[in-house]
Protein backbone atom coordinates (compact mmCIF):
# COMPACT_ATOMS: atom_id res chain seq x y z
CA UNK A 1 199.46 16.56 -1.10
CA UNK A 2 201.20 13.34 -2.11
CA UNK A 3 203.30 12.58 -5.15
CA UNK A 4 204.45 9.14 -6.33
CA UNK A 5 207.98 9.39 -7.66
CA UNK A 6 208.41 7.78 -11.09
CA UNK A 7 209.94 4.30 -11.10
CA UNK A 8 209.81 4.04 -7.32
CA UNK A 9 207.47 2.41 -4.88
CA UNK A 10 207.68 5.13 -2.24
CA UNK A 11 205.33 8.03 -1.67
CA UNK A 12 206.85 11.41 -0.86
CA UNK A 13 204.81 13.97 1.06
CA UNK A 14 205.28 17.29 -0.72
CA UNK A 15 203.17 19.52 1.50
CA UNK A 16 202.13 18.92 5.10
CA UNK A 17 199.31 21.31 5.99
CA UNK A 18 199.21 20.13 9.60
CA UNK A 19 202.39 22.15 10.25
CA UNK A 20 202.15 24.90 12.85
CA UNK A 21 204.12 28.11 13.38
CA UNK A 22 207.86 27.39 13.97
CA UNK A 23 207.64 23.84 12.50
CA UNK A 24 210.23 22.93 9.85
CA UNK A 25 208.60 22.60 6.42
CA UNK A 26 211.66 21.41 4.48
CA UNK A 27 215.36 21.98 3.93
CA UNK A 28 215.84 24.48 1.09
CA UNK A 29 218.86 23.30 -0.91
CA UNK A 30 218.23 25.49 -3.95
CA UNK A 31 218.64 28.91 -2.34
CA UNK A 32 220.75 27.75 0.64
CA UNK A 33 218.15 28.97 3.12
CA UNK A 34 218.68 25.85 5.22
CA UNK A 35 215.76 24.78 7.36
CA UNK A 36 212.62 26.51 6.10
CA UNK A 37 210.14 27.06 8.91
CA UNK A 38 206.51 28.18 9.09
CA UNK A 39 206.35 31.87 10.09
CA UNK A 40 202.57 32.26 10.11
CA UNK A 41 199.34 30.68 8.91
CA UNK A 42 195.95 31.98 7.85
CA UNK A 43 193.08 31.05 5.55
CA UNK A 44 192.22 32.22 2.06
CA UNK A 45 189.13 31.79 -0.12
CA UNK A 46 190.11 29.59 -3.06
CA UNK A 47 187.45 29.29 -5.73
CA UNK A 48 184.72 29.46 -3.10
CA UNK A 49 186.42 27.16 -0.56
CA UNK A 50 188.35 28.16 2.54
CA UNK A 51 191.91 26.80 2.41
CA UNK A 52 194.82 26.95 4.85
CA UNK A 53 197.81 29.05 3.80
CA UNK A 54 201.33 28.77 5.26
CA UNK A 55 203.93 31.56 5.03
CA UNK A 56 207.46 30.15 5.16
CA UNK A 57 210.76 31.72 6.24
CA UNK A 58 212.21 31.67 2.70
CA UNK A 59 209.21 33.65 1.34
CA UNK A 60 207.61 30.49 -0.07
CA UNK A 61 203.82 30.36 0.38
CA UNK A 62 201.82 27.12 0.48
CA UNK A 63 198.09 27.02 -0.21
CA UNK A 64 196.10 23.90 0.66
CA UNK A 65 194.87 22.28 -2.54
CA UNK A 66 197.59 23.93 -4.68
CA UNK A 67 200.91 23.51 -2.91
CA UNK A 68 203.75 25.99 -3.23
CA UNK A 69 203.06 29.21 -5.12
CA UNK A 70 206.71 28.99 -6.23
CA UNK A 71 205.98 25.89 -8.29
CA UNK A 72 203.81 22.81 -8.08
CA UNK A 73 206.70 20.52 -7.07
CA UNK A 74 208.82 22.86 -4.98
CA UNK A 75 210.92 22.05 -2.92
CA UNK A 76 211.70 18.74 -4.71
CA UNK A 77 212.11 20.32 -8.13
CA UNK A 78 215.43 22.16 -8.02
CA UNK A 79 214.39 25.01 -10.33
CA UNK A 80 211.50 27.04 -8.99
CA UNK A 81 208.81 27.95 -11.47
CA UNK A 82 209.43 31.49 -12.71
CA UNK A 83 212.19 32.00 -10.09
CA UNK A 84 209.97 33.27 -7.29
CA UNK A 85 207.07 34.41 -9.48
CA UNK A 86 203.83 33.14 -7.92
CA UNK A 87 201.86 30.52 -9.79
CA UNK A 88 198.60 31.80 -11.28
CA UNK A 89 198.14 29.12 -13.95
CA UNK A 90 199.03 25.45 -13.85
CA UNK A 91 199.64 23.49 -17.06
CA UNK A 92 200.22 19.77 -17.19
CA UNK A 93 200.73 16.98 -19.70
CA UNK A 94 198.76 13.83 -18.96
CA UNK A 95 197.92 10.38 -20.32
CA UNK A 96 194.33 9.17 -20.24
CA UNK A 97 193.36 5.56 -19.47
CA UNK A 98 193.94 4.64 -23.15
CA UNK A 99 197.46 6.15 -23.04
CA UNK A 100 196.40 9.09 -25.24
CA UNK A 101 198.40 12.21 -24.37
CA UNK A 102 196.67 15.52 -23.66
CA UNK A 103 197.53 18.84 -22.01
CA UNK A 104 195.41 21.05 -19.78
CA UNK A 105 196.06 24.55 -18.45
CA UNK A 106 193.94 25.84 -15.57
CA UNK A 107 193.89 29.23 -13.92
CA UNK A 108 194.24 29.15 -10.16
CA UNK A 109 191.43 31.31 -8.85
CA UNK A 110 192.81 32.83 -5.69
CA UNK A 111 190.93 35.54 -3.87
CA UNK A 112 193.27 37.62 -1.75
CA UNK A 113 190.78 38.85 0.82
CA UNK A 114 191.68 37.65 4.28
CA UNK A 115 189.19 36.09 6.63
CA UNK A 116 188.85 38.45 9.57
CA UNK A 117 189.52 36.68 12.84
CA UNK A 118 186.46 36.83 15.00
CA UNK A 119 186.28 35.85 18.63
CA UNK A 120 183.10 34.00 19.37
CA UNK A 121 182.00 32.38 22.59
CA UNK A 122 179.03 30.62 24.13
CA UNK A 123 177.64 31.70 27.50
CA UNK A 124 176.73 30.03 29.71
CA UNK A 125 178.44 26.80 28.76
CA UNK A 126 177.35 24.26 29.90
CA UNK A 127 173.76 25.46 29.85
CA UNK A 128 170.25 24.23 30.53
CA UNK A 129 169.44 24.83 26.86
CA UNK A 130 169.25 28.62 26.92
CA UNK A 131 172.52 30.31 25.98
CA UNK A 132 173.91 33.13 23.84
CA UNK A 133 176.39 33.27 20.98
CA UNK A 134 178.66 36.20 21.81
CA UNK A 135 180.72 37.87 19.08
CA UNK A 136 180.99 40.83 16.75
CA UNK A 137 179.23 39.76 13.55
CA UNK A 138 175.62 40.33 12.69
CA UNK A 139 173.65 38.67 9.89
CA UNK A 140 175.96 35.64 9.97
CA UNK A 141 174.16 32.35 9.35
CA UNK A 142 174.49 29.75 12.08
CA UNK A 143 173.55 26.10 12.39
CA UNK A 144 173.35 24.00 15.52
CA UNK A 145 174.07 20.32 15.00
CA UNK A 146 174.14 17.32 17.31
CA UNK A 147 177.09 14.91 17.51
CA UNK A 148 175.71 12.86 14.60
CA UNK A 149 175.66 15.97 12.38
CA UNK A 150 171.87 16.27 12.39
CA UNK A 151 170.64 19.87 12.06
CA UNK A 152 168.82 20.90 15.24
CA UNK A 153 168.37 24.65 14.67
CA UNK A 154 169.50 27.33 12.23
CA UNK A 155 169.18 31.08 12.01
CA UNK A 156 170.94 34.41 11.61
CA UNK A 157 173.08 36.08 14.29
CA UNK A 158 172.33 39.55 15.61
CA UNK A 159 174.92 42.12 16.59
CA UNK A 160 177.14 41.14 19.56
CA UNK A 161 174.66 38.67 21.17
CA UNK A 162 172.31 36.05 19.73
CA UNK A 163 170.00 34.24 22.16
CA UNK A 164 169.47 30.51 21.52
CA UNK A 165 166.77 28.27 23.01
CA UNK A 166 167.52 24.53 22.93
CA UNK A 167 165.34 23.59 25.90
CA UNK A 168 163.40 21.24 23.59
CA UNK A 169 166.42 18.96 22.89
CA UNK A 170 167.97 16.12 24.87
CA UNK A 171 170.96 16.78 27.08
CA UNK A 172 174.26 16.32 25.28
CA UNK A 173 176.93 17.93 23.16
CA UNK A 174 175.96 20.26 20.31
CA UNK A 175 177.98 22.26 17.80
CA UNK A 176 177.28 25.86 16.80
CA UNK A 177 178.58 26.22 13.23
CA UNK A 178 179.30 29.78 12.07
CA UNK A 179 180.97 30.91 8.85
CA UNK A 180 184.41 31.28 10.47
CA UNK A 181 184.13 29.18 13.61
CA UNK A 182 182.62 26.08 15.15
CA UNK A 183 181.85 26.14 18.87
CA UNK A 184 180.89 23.30 21.20
CA UNK A 185 178.08 23.72 23.72
CA UNK A 186 176.96 21.30 26.41
CA UNK A 187 173.24 21.12 27.18
CA UNK A 188 172.50 19.59 30.60
């Protein structure tokens, strides 16, 4: 998320969602926490879209597409919104292209169910075109796409093992796209 500071020609990065566990997110001047680091990451369903979420060492939580749940401009705004109360609604004052002022308040629709980590694999890989998707979900939709993104095959997984036949396609790299994972398979 980027924010252009008023009366300046520099862009300040507020939230960097490429951070990994143990990376420094920012220096927390307000509460004297010092270097705030990423403790853990996961994903959350946000209004029907999967977004990355970062849990920080000072109890701040960042959600991709929103920013900090402690306030839209934290850590650069010295007073956190609601003093550690999570943000559930965002209100803003804006100017349209004709310089007419207006205000909008929007609820942040955040579903708190966690995506269960599933371990999926392809065997054998590489293959001659016949392989299996191995995992624990059943009735999960899958798509197989080539490197250009063209849909080659789609279907529904069965419990623990789903057999796939791609003997009719050219040799190359293909991607098995599941709800919570994307796997690469080589067809020889």
